[in-house]
Amino acid sequence: MLRNLARFSILGVALSTVIYATPANAQATRTWVSGVGDDANPCSRTAPCKTFAGSISKTAAFGEINCIDPGGFGAVTITKSITIDCVNVEAGVLVSGTNAIIINAAASDLVTLRGLDIEGLGTGIDGIRVLSAASVHIDKVTIRGFRAAGGNGINFAPSVASKLVVTDTRVTNSGNGGTSAGIQIRPTGTGTATVTIDRVRAEANNFGIFLDGAGGTGAVKATIRDSVVASNGLNGINLSSSGTSVSAIIDNVAAVNNNFGIVSGGSGCAGFVTNSTIAGNTTQGVLFSAPATLTSYGTNSFGTNGTNGTFSSTIPRL
């Protein structure tokens, strides 16, 4: 009898150990970071973590990371569905000589980044680099200073079928040489890119927005609307391909004070421009190189360009 009691006692201790250990290892659906947090904490509201990297390992897939107060929360690699939302707080990600945020998630994963201030200090590589995800939404984000050779503010280079939505975002002083840009869209392998850029400012970059079909065999489809591409060293918006389909609808965009305003070059490229202002571009307003096309809907305005250039065709208003 005493022997059986001893066995039950040992079993009870073992079970209680398992019961109390489980919560410590569980991932929360919402976690928190703070400028005065500690990554040894559980990342709860009352015991926040210090960095996004520290918090993401304690956040469940499809969970959310929020910021309690202003701080610099560091670089992070995202490998699952997650939201980082700090829209009401000064949430900094500051890096030098490296990437700030890398998204390398599953082909079915969804990622949202909101309310971040991402700084590359002039030596950063990519502010946001997307390698794989079903969908990435970048909202109310400021990105600047990613000027390492070939660096970009946003580098969207998915190897899978992927969607990118960028809204209410500003990308400045990024890109250095080659096709680097404030926003570069360049899927790899058989990956495809379906892109919406809405209410975005791409200013003082190498290229403003570069849509590039040279990275793989997958198509690029973009809508750029209600946005500004200005004062970029090379072209405001550039479509480029050597056969892969690259198409863009450019609606109510100000392409001003660049070298070229809007360019479409190479087979497979088709741009459609409407309700847009192309002005102050040093060399030329618009340029297409056949067999690429750049079509106007007849509702665009030109002014004070080196030369205005011409569209491949014009579709009159009905």
Protein backbone atom coordinates (compact mmCIF):
# COMPACT_ATOMS: atom_id res chain seq x y z
CA MET A 1 0.00 0.00 0.00
CA LEU A 2 2.73 2.42 0.95
CA ARG A 3 4.57 1.47 -2.23
CA ASN A 4 1.49 2.32 -4.36
CA LEU A 5 1.07 5.66 -2.57
CA ALA A 6 4.67 6.49 -3.32
CA ARG A 7 4.10 5.70 -6.98
CA PHE A 8 1.01 7.90 -7.13
CA SER A 9 2.92 10.69 -5.40
CA ILE A 10 5.74 10.56 -7.96
CA LEU A 11 3.22 10.49 -10.82
CA GLY A 12 1.44 13.51 -9.38
CA VAL A 13 4.66 15.51 -9.19
CA ALA A 14 5.50 14.61 -12.80
CA LEU A 15 2.05 15.63 -14.04
CA SER A 16 2.14 18.90 -12.16
CA THR A 17 5.52 19.65 -13.74
CA VAL A 18 4.05 19.12 -17.22
CA ILE A 19 0.96 21.20 -16.43
CA TYR A 20 2.94 24.16 -15.14
CA ALA A 21 5.56 23.94 -17.90
CA THR A 22 3.09 24.12 -20.77
CA PRO A 23 2.04 27.80 -20.43
CA ALA A 24 5.68 28.89 -20.33
CA ASN A 25 6.32 27.24 -23.70
CA ALA A 26 3.07 28.34 -25.39
CA GLN A 27 3.01 31.09 -28.01
CA ALA A 28 0.64 34.00 -27.55
CA THR A 29 -1.63 35.32 -30.29
CA ARG A 30 -0.73 38.91 -29.29
CA THR A 31 2.64 40.01 -27.94
CA TRP A 32 4.16 43.36 -27.02
CA VAL A 33 7.48 45.18 -27.32
CA SER A 34 8.67 48.22 -25.40
CA GLY A 35 11.69 50.48 -25.49
CA VAL A 36 12.36 49.40 -21.91
CA GLY A 37 11.38 45.74 -22.38
CA ASP A 38 13.49 42.60 -22.08
CA ASP A 39 13.60 39.68 -24.51
CA ALA A 40 13.76 37.33 -21.52
CA ASN A 41 10.17 38.36 -20.74
CA PRO A 42 7.11 36.48 -22.05
CA CYS A 43 6.25 39.54 -24.24
CA SER A 44 2.94 40.12 -22.47
CA ARG A 45 1.40 43.57 -21.99
CA THR A 46 2.83 43.79 -18.47
CA ALA A 47 6.16 42.08 -19.29
CA PRO A 48 7.03 43.16 -22.85
CA CYS A 49 9.99 42.15 -24.96
CA LYS A 50 12.69 44.52 -26.21
CA THR A 51 12.90 43.60 -29.92
CA PHE A 52 10.77 42.28 -32.76
CA ALA A 53 13.17 39.33 -33.08
CA GLY A 54 12.68 38.48 -29.42
CA SER A 55 8.93 38.78 -29.66
CA ILE A 56 8.32 36.89 -32.90
CA SER A 57 9.50 33.57 -31.46
CA LYS A 58 6.86 33.94 -28.73
CA THR A 59 4.05 34.90 -31.11
CA ALA A 60 1.81 32.28 -32.66
CA ALA A 61 1.28 32.06 -36.42
CA PHE A 62 -1.39 34.58 -37.52
CA GLY A 63 -0.70 36.47 -34.29
CA GLU A 64 0.17 40.15 -33.83
CA ILE A 65 3.03 42.13 -32.34
CA ASN A 66 2.21 45.61 -30.98
CA CYS A 67 4.35 48.39 -29.54
CA ILE A 68 3.61 49.85 -26.11
CA ASP A 69 5.84 52.91 -26.41
CA PRO A 70 8.48 54.40 -28.73
CA GLY A 71 11.69 52.48 -29.26
CA GLY A 72 14.17 50.95 -31.65
CA PHE A 73 13.04 47.36 -32.05
CA GLY A 74 15.73 45.95 -34.33
CA ALA A 75 15.96 43.87 -37.47
CA VAL A 76 13.78 40.79 -37.83
CA THR A 77 13.29 37.80 -40.13
CA ILE A 78 9.67 36.71 -40.58
CA THR A 79 8.99 33.07 -41.44
CA LYS A 80 5.26 32.75 -40.71
CA SER A 81 1.94 34.58 -41.00
CA ILE A 82 2.11 37.55 -38.66
CA THR A 83 1.18 41.22 -38.21
CA ILE A 84 3.51 43.83 -36.76
CA ASP A 85 1.34 46.86 -36.03
CA CYS A 86 2.76 49.93 -34.28
CA VAL A 87 0.79 52.59 -36.11
CA ASN A 88 0.27 54.85 -33.07
CA VAL A 89 3.86 54.62 -31.76
CA GLU A 90 7.30 55.66 -33.06
CA ALA A 91 8.51 52.15 -33.88
CA GLY A 92 12.03 52.27 -35.27
CA VAL A 93 14.06 49.63 -37.08
CA LEU A 94 17.59 50.96 -37.56
CA VAL A 95 20.31 48.93 -39.28
CA SER A 96 23.72 49.49 -40.82
CA GLY A 97 25.24 47.33 -43.56
CA THR A 98 22.46 44.74 -43.50
CA ASN A 99 18.74 44.20 -44.17
CA ALA A 100 16.12 45.56 -41.81
CA ILE A 101 13.17 43.18 -42.35
CA ILE A 102 13.33 39.92 -44.32
CA ILE A 103 10.13 38.02 -45.14
CA ASN A 104 10.82 34.40 -46.05
CA ALA A 105 7.56 32.70 -45.15
CA ALA A 106 5.57 29.82 -46.62
CA ALA A 107 3.79 30.22 -49.94
CA SER A 108 0.46 30.40 -48.07
CA ASP A 109 1.49 32.89 -45.37
CA LEU A 110 0.14 36.43 -44.91
CA VAL A 111 2.28 39.23 -43.49
CA THR A 112 1.30 42.80 -42.53
CA LEU A 113 3.68 45.59 -41.48
CA ARG A 114 2.10 48.82 -40.21
CA GLY A 115 3.39 51.98 -38.62
CA LEU A 116 7.15 51.38 -38.82
CA ASP A 117 10.05 53.82 -39.29
CA ILE A 118 12.85 51.92 -41.06
CA GLU A 119 16.29 53.59 -41.35
CA GLY A 120 19.34 52.25 -43.22
CA LEU A 121 21.86 54.96 -42.25
CA GLY A 122 23.12 55.15 -45.83
CA THR A 123 24.69 51.67 -45.65
CA GLY A 124 21.63 49.44 -45.25
CA ILE A 125 20.94 46.85 -47.98
CA ASP A 126 17.15 46.42 -48.18
CA GLY A 127 14.61 48.05 -45.92
CA ILE A 128 12.07 45.27 -46.54
CA ARG A 129 13.12 42.19 -48.53
CA VAL A 130 10.38 39.74 -49.53
CA LEU A 131 11.55 36.30 -50.65
CA SER A 132 8.39 34.24 -50.11
CA ALA A 133 4.82 34.78 -48.87
CA ALA A 134 1.33 34.60 -50.32
CA SER A 135 0.66 38.24 -49.50
CA VAL A 136 2.51 41.15 -47.92
CA HIS A 137 0.81 44.40 -46.90
CA ILE A 138 3.00 47.41 -46.06
CA ASP A 139 0.97 50.27 -44.61
CA LYS A 140 1.93 53.63 -43.10
CA VAL A 141 5.65 52.84 -43.21
CA THR A 142 8.60 55.19 -43.74
CA ILE A 143 11.76 53.73 -45.32
CA ARG A 144 14.96 55.67 -45.99
CA GLY A 145 18.72 55.46 -46.27
CA PHE A 146 19.20 52.01 -47.86
CA ARG A 147 22.08 52.92 -50.13
CA ALA A 148 24.39 49.91 -50.11
CA ALA A 149 25.32 48.86 -53.66
CA GLY A 150 22.20 47.28 -55.15
CA GLY A 151 20.13 48.08 -52.07
CA ASN A 152 16.44 49.01 -52.15
CA GLY A 153 13.84 50.53 -49.90
CA ILE A 154 11.50 47.64 -50.70
CA ASN A 155 12.85 44.62 -52.58
CA PHE A 156 9.96 42.39 -53.65
CA ALA A 157 11.61 39.26 -55.07
CA PRO A 158 9.23 36.36 -54.41
CA SER A 159 10.00 32.86 -55.61
CA VAL A 160 6.29 31.93 -55.35
CA ALA A 161 3.03 33.48 -56.54
CA SER A 162 2.83 36.51 -54.28
CA LYS A 163 0.87 39.73 -53.80
CA LEU A 164 2.24 43.02 -52.51
CA VAL A 165 0.12 45.94 -51.33
CA VAL A 166 1.88 49.17 -50.34
CA THR A 167 -0.31 51.98 -48.98
CA ASP A 168 0.30 55.37 -47.34
CA THR A 169 4.04 54.78 -47.38
CA ARG A 170 7.11 56.93 -48.14
CA VAL A 171 10.39 55.55 -49.51
CA THR A 172 13.31 57.97 -49.86
CA ASN A 173 17.09 58.11 -50.36
CA SER A 174 17.41 54.44 -51.27
CA GLY A 175 19.06 52.51 -54.08
CA ASN A 176 22.60 52.76 -55.38
CA GLY A 177 23.53 51.59 -58.87
CA GLY A 178 22.04 49.09 -61.31
CA THR A 179 18.28 48.65 -61.08
CA SER A 180 18.12 49.41 -57.36
CA ALA A 181 15.15 51.53 -56.40
CA GLY A 182 12.90 52.91 -53.76
CA ILE A 183 10.59 50.01 -54.67
CA GLN A 184 11.96 47.19 -56.80
CA ILE A 185 9.65 44.43 -58.05
CA ARG A 186 11.66 41.48 -59.38
CA PRO A 187 10.22 37.96 -58.87
CA THR A 188 12.65 35.07 -59.13
CA GLY A 189 12.36 31.59 -60.62
CA THR A 190 8.72 30.89 -61.44
CA GLY A 191 7.47 33.37 -58.86
CA THR A 192 4.89 35.96 -59.88
CA ALA A 193 4.20 39.43 -58.52
CA THR A 194 0.77 41.06 -58.31
CA VAL A 195 1.34 44.53 -56.91
CA THR A 196 -0.79 47.46 -55.74
CA ILE A 197 0.95 50.73 -54.86
CA ASP A 198 -1.50 53.30 -53.54
CA ARG A 199 -0.85 56.72 -51.96
CA VAL A 200 2.90 56.18 -51.95
CA ARG A 201 5.77 58.68 -52.29
CA ALA A 202 9.00 57.39 -53.85
CA GLU A 203 11.42 60.31 -53.76
CA ALA A 204 15.17 60.90 -54.13
CA ASN A 205 15.99 57.25 -54.82
CA ASN A 206 18.07 55.69 -57.63
CA PHE A 207 14.96 54.58 -59.55
CA GLY A 208 11.63 55.47 -57.98
CA ILE A 209 9.67 52.29 -58.81
CA PHE A 210 11.31 49.58 -60.93
CA LEU A 211 9.23 46.71 -62.35
CA ASP A 212 11.72 44.11 -63.58
CA GLY A 213 10.97 40.88 -65.42
CA ALA A 214 14.60 39.78 -65.68
CA GLY A 215 14.71 37.82 -62.44
CA GLY A 216 12.68 34.80 -63.57
CA THR A 217 9.87 33.59 -65.80
CA GLY A 218 6.88 34.79 -63.78
CA ALA A 219 4.70 37.75 -64.72
CA VAL A 220 4.61 41.14 -63.01
CA LYS A 221 1.24 42.90 -62.80
CA ALA A 222 1.08 46.27 -61.06
CA THR A 223 -1.36 49.06 -60.31
CA ILE A 224 0.22 52.35 -59.24
CA ARG A 225 -2.27 55.03 -58.29
CA ASP A 226 -2.61 58.31 -56.36
CA SER A 227 1.16 58.38 -55.85
CA VAL A 228 4.25 60.58 -56.36
CA VAL A 229 7.55 59.53 -57.94
CA ALA A 230 9.80 62.56 -57.71
CA SER A 231 13.42 63.69 -57.77
CA ASN A 232 14.78 60.20 -58.39
CA GLY A 233 18.26 60.06 -59.93
CA LEU A 234 17.19 57.90 -62.86
CA ASN A 235 13.59 57.13 -63.83
CA GLY A 236 10.44 57.72 -61.86
CA ILE A 237 8.68 54.52 -62.98
CA ASN A 238 10.53 51.94 -65.09
CA LEU A 239 9.12 48.81 -66.73
CA SER A 240 11.78 46.44 -68.02
CA SER A 241 11.70 42.94 -69.49
CA SER A 242 13.29 40.70 -72.09
CA GLY A 243 10.21 38.59 -72.71
CA THR A 244 8.47 38.06 -69.39
CA SER A 245 5.14 39.87 -69.10
CA VAL A 246 5.46 43.13 -67.16
CA SER A 247 2.35 45.32 -67.12
CA ALA A 248 1.32 48.36 -65.12
CA ILE A 249 -1.70 50.62 -64.83
CA ILE A 250 -0.45 54.06 -63.78
CA ASP A 251 -3.36 56.19 -62.58
CA ASN A 252 -3.25 59.70 -61.10
CA VAL A 253 0.52 59.65 -60.57
CA ALA A 254 2.85 62.66 -60.46
CA ALA A 255 6.11 61.69 -62.17
CA VAL A 256 8.11 64.87 -61.68
CA ASN A 257 11.72 66.05 -61.52
CA ASN A 258 13.31 62.68 -62.35
CA ASN A 259 15.72 61.98 -65.21
CA PHE A 260 12.99 60.22 -67.23
CA GLY A 261 9.43 60.28 -65.92
CA ILE A 262 7.93 56.95 -67.09
CA VAL A 263 9.80 54.36 -69.18
CA SER A 264 8.70 51.06 -70.76
CA GLY A 265 11.47 49.02 -72.39
CA GLY A 266 11.84 45.50 -73.74
CA SER A 267 9.52 42.83 -75.11
CA GLY A 268 6.69 41.89 -72.80
CA CYS A 269 6.30 45.38 -71.27
CA ALA A 270 2.98 47.20 -71.42
CA GLY A 271 2.24 50.39 -69.49
CA PHE A 272 -1.10 52.21 -69.39
CA VAL A 273 -1.07 55.81 -68.14
CA THR A 274 -4.10 57.88 -67.19
CA ASN A 275 -4.89 61.06 -65.24
CA SER A 276 -1.19 61.60 -64.55
CA THR A 277 1.20 64.58 -64.51
CA ILE A 278 4.60 64.16 -66.15
CA ALA A 279 6.63 67.31 -65.60
CA GLY A 280 10.05 68.69 -64.81
CA ASN A 281 11.88 65.52 -65.87
CA THR A 282 15.39 66.46 -66.96
CA THR A 283 15.77 64.34 -70.10
CA GLN A 284 12.31 63.17 -71.14
CA GLY A 285 8.79 62.80 -69.84
CA VAL A 286 7.83 59.40 -71.29
CA LEU A 287 9.80 56.86 -73.30
CA PHE A 288 9.00 53.46 -74.79
CA SER A 289 11.29 51.13 -76.73
CA ALA A 290 9.38 48.86 -79.12
CA PRO A 291 8.19 46.17 -78.88
CA ALA A 292 7.35 47.54 -75.41
CA THR A 293 4.28 49.73 -75.29
CA LEU A 294 3.28 52.74 -73.24
CA THR A 295 -0.33 53.69 -73.85
CA SER A 296 -2.06 56.92 -72.86
CA TYR A 297 -5.75 57.23 -72.14
CA GLY A 298 -5.53 60.84 -73.29
CA THR A 299 -6.01 62.34 -69.82
CA ASN A 300 -2.39 63.11 -68.96
CA SER A 301 -0.58 66.44 -68.56
CA PHE A 302 2.97 67.37 -69.58
CA GLY A 303 5.10 70.35 -68.65
CA THR A 304 8.70 71.61 -68.51
CA ASN A 305 10.34 68.29 -69.37
CA GLY A 306 13.60 68.22 -71.35
CA THR A 307 11.36 66.79 -74.07
CA ASN A 308 7.93 65.36 -73.46
CA GLY A 309 8.37 62.22 -75.52
CA THR A 310 5.47 60.28 -77.02
CA PHE A 311 3.26 57.35 -76.09
CA SER A 312 3.11 54.29 -78.32
CA SER A 313 -0.62 54.90 -78.73
CA THR A 314 -3.48 56.91 -77.28
CA ILE A 315 -6.91 55.65 -76.38
CA PRO A 316 -9.34 58.60 -76.49
CA ARG A 317 -11.77 59.25 -73.69
CA LEU A 318 -15.30 58.04 -74.37
